[in-house]
Every structure is written in C-alpha cells, then in structure tokens.
C-alpha cells in the first residue's frame, strides 16, 4: 500500500509539474498595445498546445486556469500575433483565418499544408524550405486582404505572378480576390502547391491558377521551354 500511495503521489506531482511547465512554456505575460492576443512565448509551445494528436482541442493542459483557448490561439489570425513565431517547422498544416473572405462560397479560413520533412538552416533553405509558410508570405497574404478592402482594389481578371511561391498562401488569397495567378517555385513538382490549391480554392477558381516549376540555377529561358 505504501508503494501504491507513493506511486499515486508521484503521478499527481508529475501532473502538476507538467501543468506548470505547460503554462510557463506557452504563455507570455506582456500585453500587446495593438489589442491582439499574445498566446505563445516560444514556437515549440504552439506545437505542444495545438497538436491535434492530443485531441480536437489540442493539449487541454494548456487551457486549464487561463483565459486562452484552442480557438483563440491555435490559428494564424488577425486577433493574435502567432506570426512572430513563423516558421512552424514541425506542423503538417496551419489554419490561417481570413479577415475578409471574398468568394461567396469560401470558408473564412485557409488550411495551409506544409512539409515538415523540409529542413532549414538559419534562413538558408534547401531549394529550400519552400515547404513551410514563411513570415514574408504571411505578411503578403495580409497585404492582399488590406488592398482588396481599398477603393479600386478589385483584383478580378488581373494577373499576378509569385516567384518563390512556397506553400502558395499569398497566391491563394489573390485568387480568392479574383486574380489570375501563376505560382512559380523550384519545388513545385512535389505537389505541395497543387495540394494547397485543391484544398483551399472553390472548383470554379482553381482553373485561374497555374503552377510552374523553375530551376533557379539555370537561365529562365531554359525553364520556360
């Protein structure tokens, strides 16, 4: 019995320590001045708290005794600052909440698939690192949203080409706003761009997107042949 009590007490203590560790790992304590929520202090906290392998609401330990929740924190959204921690190198996909979805049949978010098998060294990539959503691509996505809200911001029929499209996040928003989009990337042949187009664009818009592979080490004319 003594051994059983010690074992049970050890489990309780371990659980409490894990709860404290989860909160220390995850949440920052400095309020933001722009009204957005600052959910996570470190990038790997996002993976710890938001992984669906722990359940449909991520890791419940992260949300106990806090004002935070899976819905608030486990997306890239206008109301949080999770873009500070991009790239998320272990996440197979990310949810990006759209500020103002344009297409009448589109859901208010994008599900951006990544390739965690891609490997990054600092900011230098393999062909590299195109399998991740990068901060520049995310910021360009938000720029398109803001531009579409301005007078004369109609993208219908306009042509947009993105070199180094990566996972295609910015091009998807351009397409949703009516542009005819060409996505160019050195790794386009592996299918990640096509997967994101099929997963996120209504069927009637998919034909407005072209995906091209370009070898940066060769003259452009060679790749265009």
C-alpha atoms as a PDB file:
ATOM      1  CA  UNK A   1       0.000   0.000   0.000  1.00  0.00           C
ATOM      2  CA  UNK A   2       2.843   2.332   0.842  1.00  0.00           C
ATOM      3  CA  UNK A   3       4.350   1.737  -2.562  1.00  0.00           C
ATOM      4  CA  UNK A   4       0.956   2.344  -4.215  1.00  0.00           C
ATOM      5  CA  UNK A   5       0.465   5.646  -2.351  1.00  0.00           C
ATOM      6  CA  UNK A   6       3.965   6.756  -3.297  1.00  0.00           C
ATOM      7  CA  UNK A   7       3.333   5.829  -6.918  1.00  0.00           C
ATOM      8  CA  UNK A   8      -0.020   7.703  -6.976  1.00  0.00           C
ATOM      9  CA  UNK A   9       1.518  10.714  -5.289  1.00  0.00           C
ATOM     10  CA  UNK A  10       4.300  10.689  -7.841  1.00  0.00           C
ATOM     11  CA  UNK A  11       1.784  10.740 -10.684  1.00  0.00           C
ATOM     12  CA  UNK A  12      -0.099  13.671  -9.134  1.00  0.00           C
ATOM     13  CA  UNK A  13       3.126  15.603  -8.623  1.00  0.00           C
ATOM     14  CA  UNK A  14       4.208  14.798 -12.168  1.00  0.00           C
ATOM     15  CA  UNK A  15       0.872  16.044 -13.498  1.00  0.00           C
ATOM     16  CA  UNK A  16       1.109  19.299 -11.539  1.00  0.00           C
ATOM     17  CA  UNK A  17       4.667  19.876 -12.712  1.00  0.00           C
ATOM     18  CA  UNK A  18       3.602  19.230 -16.308  1.00  0.00           C
ATOM     19  CA  UNK A  19       0.738  21.729 -15.933  1.00  0.00           C
ATOM     20  CA  UNK A  20       3.066  24.401 -14.532  1.00  0.00           C
ATOM     21  CA  UNK A  21       5.634  23.644 -17.243  1.00  0.00           C
ATOM     22  CA  UNK A  22       2.984  23.898 -19.968  1.00  0.00           C
ATOM     23  CA  UNK A  23       1.896  27.343 -18.789  1.00  0.00           C
ATOM     24  CA  UNK A  24       5.477  28.551 -18.390  1.00  0.00           C
ATOM     25  CA  UNK A  25       6.369  27.230 -21.828  1.00  0.00           C
ATOM     26  CA  UNK A  26       3.357  28.605 -23.602  1.00  0.00           C
ATOM     27  CA  UNK A  27       2.039  31.916 -22.499  1.00  0.00           C
ATOM     28  CA  UNK A  28       3.709  35.280 -22.470  1.00  0.00           C
ATOM     29  CA  UNK A  29       2.827  37.750 -19.733  1.00  0.00           C
ATOM     30  CA  UNK A  30       3.321  41.039 -21.609  1.00  0.00           C
ATOM     31  CA  UNK A  31       0.139  42.627 -23.022  1.00  0.00           C
ATOM     32  CA  UNK A  32       0.255  43.963 -26.568  1.00  0.00           C
ATOM     33  CA  UNK A  33      -0.506  47.566 -27.390  1.00  0.00           C
ATOM     34  CA  UNK A  34      -2.423  46.782 -30.600  1.00  0.00           C
ATOM     35  CA  UNK A  35      -5.198  44.779 -28.968  1.00  0.00           C
ATOM     36  CA  UNK A  36      -4.063  41.418 -30.303  1.00  0.00           C
ATOM     37  CA  UNK A  37      -3.616  38.354 -28.098  1.00  0.00           C
ATOM     38  CA  UNK A  38      -0.091  37.102 -27.456  1.00  0.00           C
ATOM     39  CA  UNK A  39      -0.629  33.386 -26.889  1.00  0.00           C
ATOM     40  CA  UNK A  40       2.790  31.795 -27.038  1.00  0.00           C
ATOM     41  CA  UNK A  41       6.257  32.722 -25.877  1.00  0.00           C
ATOM     42  CA  UNK A  42       8.043  30.092 -27.996  1.00  0.00           C
ATOM     43  CA  UNK A  43       7.409  28.412 -31.325  1.00  0.00           C
ATOM     44  CA  UNK A  44       7.514  24.866 -29.948  1.00  0.00           C
ATOM     45  CA  UNK A  45       4.769  25.841 -27.463  1.00  0.00           C
ATOM     46  CA  UNK A  46       2.394  26.143 -30.420  1.00  0.00           C
ATOM     47  CA  UNK A  47       3.137  22.540 -31.363  1.00  0.00           C
ATOM     48  CA  UNK A  48       2.819  21.355 -27.758  1.00  0.00           C
ATOM     49  CA  UNK A  49      -0.526  23.065 -27.182  1.00  0.00           C
ATOM     50  CA  UNK A  50      -2.157  22.890 -30.600  1.00  0.00           C
ATOM     51  CA  UNK A  51      -1.306  19.435 -31.901  1.00  0.00           C
ATOM     52  CA  UNK A  52      -4.488  17.557 -32.803  1.00  0.00           C
ATOM     53  CA  UNK A  53      -2.738  14.350 -31.793  1.00  0.00           C
ATOM     54  CA  UNK A  54      -3.659  15.384 -28.229  1.00  0.00           C
ATOM     55  CA  UNK A  55      -7.349  15.778 -29.112  1.00  0.00           C
ATOM     56  CA  UNK A  56      -9.738  18.002 -31.087  1.00  0.00           C
ATOM     57  CA  UNK A  57      -8.907  20.951 -28.811  1.00  0.00           C
ATOM     58  CA  UNK A  58      -5.170  20.325 -28.680  1.00  0.00           C
ATOM     59  CA  UNK A  59      -3.473  19.772 -25.326  1.00  0.00           C
ATOM     60  CA  UNK A  60      -6.029  20.507 -22.610  1.00  0.00           C
ATOM     61  CA  UNK A  61      -3.229  21.204 -20.113  1.00  0.00           C
ATOM     62  CA  UNK A  62      -2.537  24.462 -21.916  1.00  0.00           C
ATOM     63  CA  UNK A  63      -6.045  25.841 -21.440  1.00  0.00           C
ATOM     64  CA  UNK A  64      -6.619  24.984 -17.790  1.00  0.00           C
ATOM     65  CA  UNK A  65      -6.928  28.005 -15.491  1.00  0.00           C
ATOM     66  CA  UNK A  66      -6.275  30.514 -18.280  1.00  0.00           C
ATOM     67  CA  UNK A  67      -8.337  32.804 -20.483  1.00  0.00           C
ATOM     68  CA  UNK A  68      -6.736  31.207 -23.520  1.00  0.00           C
ATOM     69  CA  UNK A  69      -8.344  28.546 -25.692  1.00  0.00           C
ATOM     70  CA  UNK A  70      -7.648  26.394 -28.722  1.00  0.00           C
ATOM     71  CA  UNK A  71      -9.870  28.591 -30.930  1.00  0.00           C
ATOM     72  CA  UNK A  72      -8.103  31.797 -29.870  1.00  0.00           C
ATOM     73  CA  UNK A  73      -4.546  30.555 -30.005  1.00  0.00           C
ATOM     74  CA  UNK A  74      -4.167  27.687 -32.466  1.00  0.00           C
ATOM     75  CA  UNK A  75      -4.535  29.666 -35.688  1.00  0.00           C
ATOM     76  CA  UNK A  76      -2.740  32.441 -37.530  1.00  0.00           C
ATOM     77  CA  UNK A  77      -5.435  35.066 -37.124  1.00  0.00           C
ATOM     78  CA  UNK A  78      -5.948  38.836 -37.132  1.00  0.00           C
ATOM     79  CA  UNK A  79      -6.607  38.689 -33.376  1.00  0.00           C
ATOM     80  CA  UNK A  80      -3.316  37.016 -32.347  1.00  0.00           C
ATOM     81  CA  UNK A  81       0.384  37.538 -33.001  1.00  0.00           C
ATOM     82  CA  UNK A  82       1.358  33.956 -33.798  1.00  0.00           C
ATOM     83  CA  UNK A  83       3.093  35.155 -36.971  1.00  0.00           C
ATOM     84  CA  UNK A  84       6.009  36.204 -34.717  1.00  0.00           C
ATOM     85  CA  UNK A  85       6.904  32.535 -34.418  1.00  0.00           C
ATOM     86  CA  UNK A  86       6.770  31.608 -38.121  1.00  0.00           C
ATOM     87  CA  UNK A  87       8.043  29.247 -39.460  1.00  0.00           C
ATOM     88  CA  UNK A  88       6.450  26.359 -37.579  1.00  0.00           C
ATOM     89  CA  UNK A  89       8.866  23.653 -38.599  1.00  0.00           C
ATOM     90  CA  UNK A  90       7.047  20.607 -37.218  1.00  0.00           C
ATOM     91  CA  UNK A  91       3.445  21.354 -38.185  1.00  0.00           C
ATOM     92  CA  UNK A  92       1.984  19.380 -41.130  1.00  0.00           C
ATOM     93  CA  UNK A  93      -0.617  22.120 -41.647  1.00  0.00           C
ATOM     94  CA  UNK A  94      -1.651  25.529 -40.309  1.00  0.00           C
ATOM     95  CA  UNK A  95      -5.017  27.254 -40.132  1.00  0.00           C
ATOM     96  CA  UNK A  96      -4.956  30.854 -41.385  1.00  0.00           C
ATOM     97  CA  UNK A  97      -8.086  32.838 -40.520  1.00  0.00           C
ATOM     98  CA  UNK A  98      -9.072  35.286 -43.253  1.00  0.00           C
ATOM     99  CA  UNK A  99     -10.038  38.802 -42.247  1.00  0.00           C
ATOM    100  CA  UNK A 100     -12.467  39.236 -45.135  1.00  0.00           C
ATOM    101  CA  UNK A 101     -13.117  36.198 -47.343  1.00  0.00           C
ATOM    102  CA  UNK A 102     -14.183  37.399 -50.789  1.00  0.00           C
ATOM    103  CA  UNK A 103     -15.561  34.392 -52.564  1.00  0.00           C
ATOM    104  CA  UNK A 104     -19.211  33.832 -51.708  1.00  0.00           C
ATOM    105  CA  UNK A 105     -18.785  30.081 -51.212  1.00  0.00           C
ATOM    106  CA  UNK A 106     -15.467  30.139 -49.381  1.00  0.00           C
ATOM    107  CA  UNK A 107     -14.976  29.311 -45.720  1.00  0.00           C
ATOM    108  CA  UNK A 108     -13.363  32.040 -43.566  1.00  0.00           C
ATOM    109  CA  UNK A 109     -10.002  30.280 -43.263  1.00  0.00           C
ATOM    110  CA  UNK A 110      -7.244  28.549 -45.232  1.00  0.00           C
ATOM    111  CA  UNK A 111      -5.755  25.185 -44.341  1.00  0.00           C
ATOM    112  CA  UNK A 112      -2.134  25.512 -45.446  1.00  0.00           C
ATOM    113  CA  UNK A 113      -0.304  22.214 -45.762  1.00  0.00           C
ATOM    114  CA  UNK A 114       3.432  22.182 -45.041  1.00  0.00           C
ATOM    115  CA  UNK A 115       6.223  19.649 -45.496  1.00  0.00           C
ATOM    116  CA  UNK A 116       7.901  19.022 -42.110  1.00  0.00           C
ATOM    117  CA  UNK A 117      10.448  16.851 -43.918  1.00  0.00           C
ATOM    118  CA  UNK A 118      11.909  20.039 -45.360  1.00  0.00           C
ATOM    119  CA  UNK A 119      14.915  21.173 -43.368  1.00  0.00           C
ATOM    120  CA  UNK A 120      16.122  24.665 -42.692  1.00  0.00           C
ATOM    121  CA  UNK A 121      19.481  26.034 -41.611  1.00  0.00           C
ATOM    122  CA  UNK A 122      19.006  29.538 -40.284  1.00  0.00           C
ATOM    123  CA  UNK A 123      17.297  31.493 -43.064  1.00  0.00           C
ATOM    124  CA  UNK A 124      19.111  29.498 -45.798  1.00  0.00           C
ATOM    125  CA  UNK A 125      16.904  26.867 -47.311  1.00  0.00           C
ATOM    126  CA  UNK A 126      17.370  23.789 -49.381  1.00  0.00           C
ATOM    127  CA  UNK A 127      15.557  24.622 -52.602  1.00  0.00           C
ATOM    128  CA  UNK A 128      14.858  25.105 -49.875  1.00  0.00           C
ATOM    129  CA  UNK A 129      12.442  25.422 -47.098  1.00  0.00           C
ATOM    130  CA  UNK A 130       9.751  26.090 -49.658  1.00  0.00           C
ATOM    131  CA  UNK A 131       7.693  23.519 -47.792  1.00  0.00           C
ATOM    132  CA  UNK A 132       6.913  25.988 -44.987  1.00  0.00           C
ATOM    133  CA  UNK A 133       4.850  29.116 -44.581  1.00  0.00           C
ATOM    134  CA  UNK A 134       7.345  31.931 -44.064  1.00  0.00           C
ATOM    135  CA  UNK A 135       6.709  35.294 -42.450  1.00  0.00           C
ATOM    136  CA  UNK A 136       7.094  37.188 -45.727  1.00  0.00           C
ATOM    137  CA  UNK A 137       4.463  35.023 -47.403  1.00  0.00           C
ATOM    138  CA  UNK A 138       2.103  35.504 -44.478  1.00  0.00           C
ATOM    139  CA  UNK A 139       2.585  39.278 -44.495  1.00  0.00           C
ATOM    140  CA  UNK A 140       1.961  39.373 -48.262  1.00  0.00           C
ATOM    141  CA  UNK A 141      -1.267  37.421 -47.698  1.00  0.00           C
ATOM    142  CA  UNK A 142      -2.420  40.070 -45.205  1.00  0.00           C
ATOM    143  CA  UNK A 143      -1.402  42.835 -47.609  1.00  0.00           C
ATOM    144  CA  UNK A 144      -3.648  41.372 -50.279  1.00  0.00           C
ATOM    145  CA  UNK A 145      -6.521  41.346 -47.811  1.00  0.00           C
ATOM    146  CA  UNK A 146      -5.987  45.013 -46.918  1.00  0.00           C
ATOM    147  CA  UNK A 147      -5.586  46.019 -50.562  1.00  0.00           C
ATOM    148  CA  UNK A 148      -8.823  44.276 -51.518  1.00  0.00           C
ATOM    149  CA  UNK A 149     -10.669  46.443 -48.989  1.00  0.00           C
ATOM    150  CA  UNK A 150      -9.489  49.698 -50.589  1.00  0.00           C
ATOM    151  CA  UNK A 151     -11.342  51.616 -53.279  1.00  0.00           C
ATOM    152  CA  UNK A 152     -10.207  50.343 -56.646  1.00  0.00           C
ATOM    153  CA  UNK A 153      -8.882  47.173 -55.023  1.00  0.00           C
ATOM    154  CA  UNK A 154     -10.774  44.845 -57.342  1.00  0.00           C
ATOM    155  CA  UNK A 155      -8.441  42.058 -58.486  1.00  0.00           C
ATOM    156  CA  UNK A 156     -10.915  40.490 -60.908  1.00  0.00           C
ATOM    157  CA  UNK A 157      -9.111  39.377 -64.072  1.00  0.00           C
ATOM    158  CA  UNK A 158      -5.784  40.922 -63.086  1.00  0.00           C
ATOM    159  CA  UNK A 159      -2.661  38.813 -63.473  1.00  0.00           C
ATOM    160  CA  UNK A 160      -0.463  38.020 -60.509  1.00  0.00           C
ATOM    161  CA  UNK A 161       2.773  36.011 -60.626  1.00  0.00           C
ATOM    162  CA  UNK A 162       4.613  34.964 -57.490  1.00  0.00           C
ATOM    163  CA  UNK A 163       8.205  33.770 -57.768  1.00  0.00           C
ATOM    164  CA  UNK A 164       9.174  31.522 -54.875  1.00  0.00           C
ATOM    165  CA  UNK A 165       5.543  30.779 -54.037  1.00  0.00           C
ATOM    166  CA  UNK A 166       6.435  28.206 -51.365  1.00  0.00           C
ATOM    167  CA  UNK A 167       3.170  26.856 -49.951  1.00  0.00           C
ATOM    168  CA  UNK A 168       1.142  29.316 -52.038  1.00  0.00           C
ATOM    169  CA  UNK A 169      -0.574  31.240 -49.214  1.00  0.00           C
ATOM    170  CA  UNK A 170      -0.373  34.705 -50.812  1.00  0.00           C
ATOM    171  CA  UNK A 171      -1.402  33.407 -54.234  1.00  0.00           C
ATOM    172  CA  UNK A 172      -4.455  31.699 -52.761  1.00  0.00           C
ATOM    173  CA  UNK A 173      -5.724  34.988 -51.345  1.00  0.00           C
ATOM    174  CA  UNK A 174      -5.009  36.748 -54.639  1.00  0.00           C
ATOM    175  CA  UNK A 175      -7.078  34.082 -56.429  1.00  0.00           C
ATOM    176  CA  UNK A 176      -9.916  34.415 -53.912  1.00  0.00           C
ATOM    177  CA  UNK A 177      -9.952  38.120 -54.725  1.00  0.00           C
ATOM    178  CA  UNK A 178     -10.394  37.392 -58.444  1.00  0.00           C
ATOM    179  CA  UNK A 179      -6.839  37.453 -59.798  1.00  0.00           C
ATOM    180  CA  UNK A 180      -5.473  35.048 -62.401  1.00  0.00           C
ATOM    181  CA  UNK A 181      -2.475  33.627 -60.546  1.00  0.00           C
ATOM    182  CA  UNK A 182       0.766  31.959 -61.629  1.00  0.00           C
ATOM    183  CA  UNK A 183       2.689  30.346 -58.780  1.00  0.00           C
ATOM    184  CA  UNK A 184       6.357  29.652 -59.514  1.00  0.00           C
ATOM    185  CA  UNK A 185       8.603  27.583 -57.259  1.00  0.00           C
ATOM    186  CA  UNK A 186      11.667  25.372 -57.596  1.00  0.00           C
ATOM    187  CA  UNK A 187       9.879  22.569 -55.732  1.00  0.00           C
ATOM    188  CA  UNK A 188       6.505  22.865 -57.486  1.00  0.00           C
ATOM    189  CA  UNK A 189       6.886  19.358 -58.865  1.00  0.00           C
ATOM    190  CA  UNK A 190       6.485  17.675 -55.489  1.00  0.00           C
ATOM    191  CA  UNK A 191       2.796  18.571 -55.373  1.00  0.00           C
ATOM    192  CA  UNK A 192       2.540  20.703 -52.222  1.00  0.00           C
ATOM    193  CA  UNK A 193       1.385  23.796 -54.114  1.00  0.00           C
ATOM    194  CA  UNK A 194      -1.212  21.787 -56.018  1.00  0.00           C
ATOM    195  CA  UNK A 195      -2.469  20.260 -52.781  1.00  0.00           C
ATOM    196  CA  UNK A 196      -2.991  23.682 -51.225  1.00  0.00           C
ATOM    197  CA  UNK A 197      -4.794  24.969 -54.311  1.00  0.00           C
ATOM    198  CA  UNK A 198      -7.152  21.982 -54.323  1.00  0.00           C
ATOM    199  CA  UNK A 199      -7.722  22.150 -50.567  1.00  0.00           C
ATOM    200  CA  UNK A 200      -8.464  25.864 -50.396  1.00  0.00           C
ATOM    201  CA  UNK A 201      -9.952  27.186 -53.642  1.00  0.00           C
ATOM    202  CA  UNK A 202     -13.503  26.574 -54.863  1.00  0.00           C
ATOM    203  CA  UNK A 203     -13.545  24.482 -58.027  1.00  0.00           C
ATOM    204  CA  UNK A 204     -14.550  27.447 -60.191  1.00  0.00           C
ATOM    205  CA  UNK A 205     -11.400  29.343 -59.143  1.00  0.00           C
ATOM    206  CA  UNK A 206      -8.869  26.519 -59.421  1.00  0.00           C
ATOM    207  CA  UNK A 207      -8.682  26.964 -63.196  1.00  0.00           C
ATOM    208  CA  UNK A 208      -7.448  30.546 -62.601  1.00  0.00           C
ATOM    209  CA  UNK A 209      -4.245  29.245 -61.004  1.00  0.00           C
ATOM    210  CA  UNK A 210      -1.210  27.935 -62.892  1.00  0.00           C
ATOM    211  CA  UNK A 211       1.690  26.210 -61.127  1.00  0.00           C
ATOM    212  CA  UNK A 212       5.140  26.306 -62.738  1.00  0.00           C
ATOM    213  CA  UNK A 213       8.457  24.833 -61.680  1.00  0.00           C
ATOM    214  CA  UNK A 214      11.565  26.949 -62.217  1.00  0.00           C
ATOM    215  CA  UNK A 215      15.158  25.874 -61.670  1.00  0.00           C
ATOM    216  CA  UNK A 216      16.864  28.963 -60.229  1.00  0.00           C
ATOM    217  CA  UNK A 217      20.314  27.644 -61.151  1.00  0.00           C
ATOM    218  CA  UNK A 218      19.516  27.736 -64.884  1.00  0.00           C
ATOM    219  CA  UNK A 219      18.672  30.661 -67.192  1.00  0.00           C
ATOM    220  CA  UNK A 220      14.969  31.490 -67.058  1.00  0.00           C
ATOM    221  CA  UNK A 221      14.594  30.786 -70.793  1.00  0.00           C
ATOM    222  CA  UNK A 222      15.676  27.177 -70.197  1.00  0.00           C
ATOM    223  CA  UNK A 223      12.896  26.561 -67.643  1.00  0.00           C
ATOM    224  CA  UNK A 224      10.314  28.216 -69.863  1.00  0.00           C
ATOM    225  CA  UNK A 225      10.975  25.956 -72.854  1.00  0.00           C
END
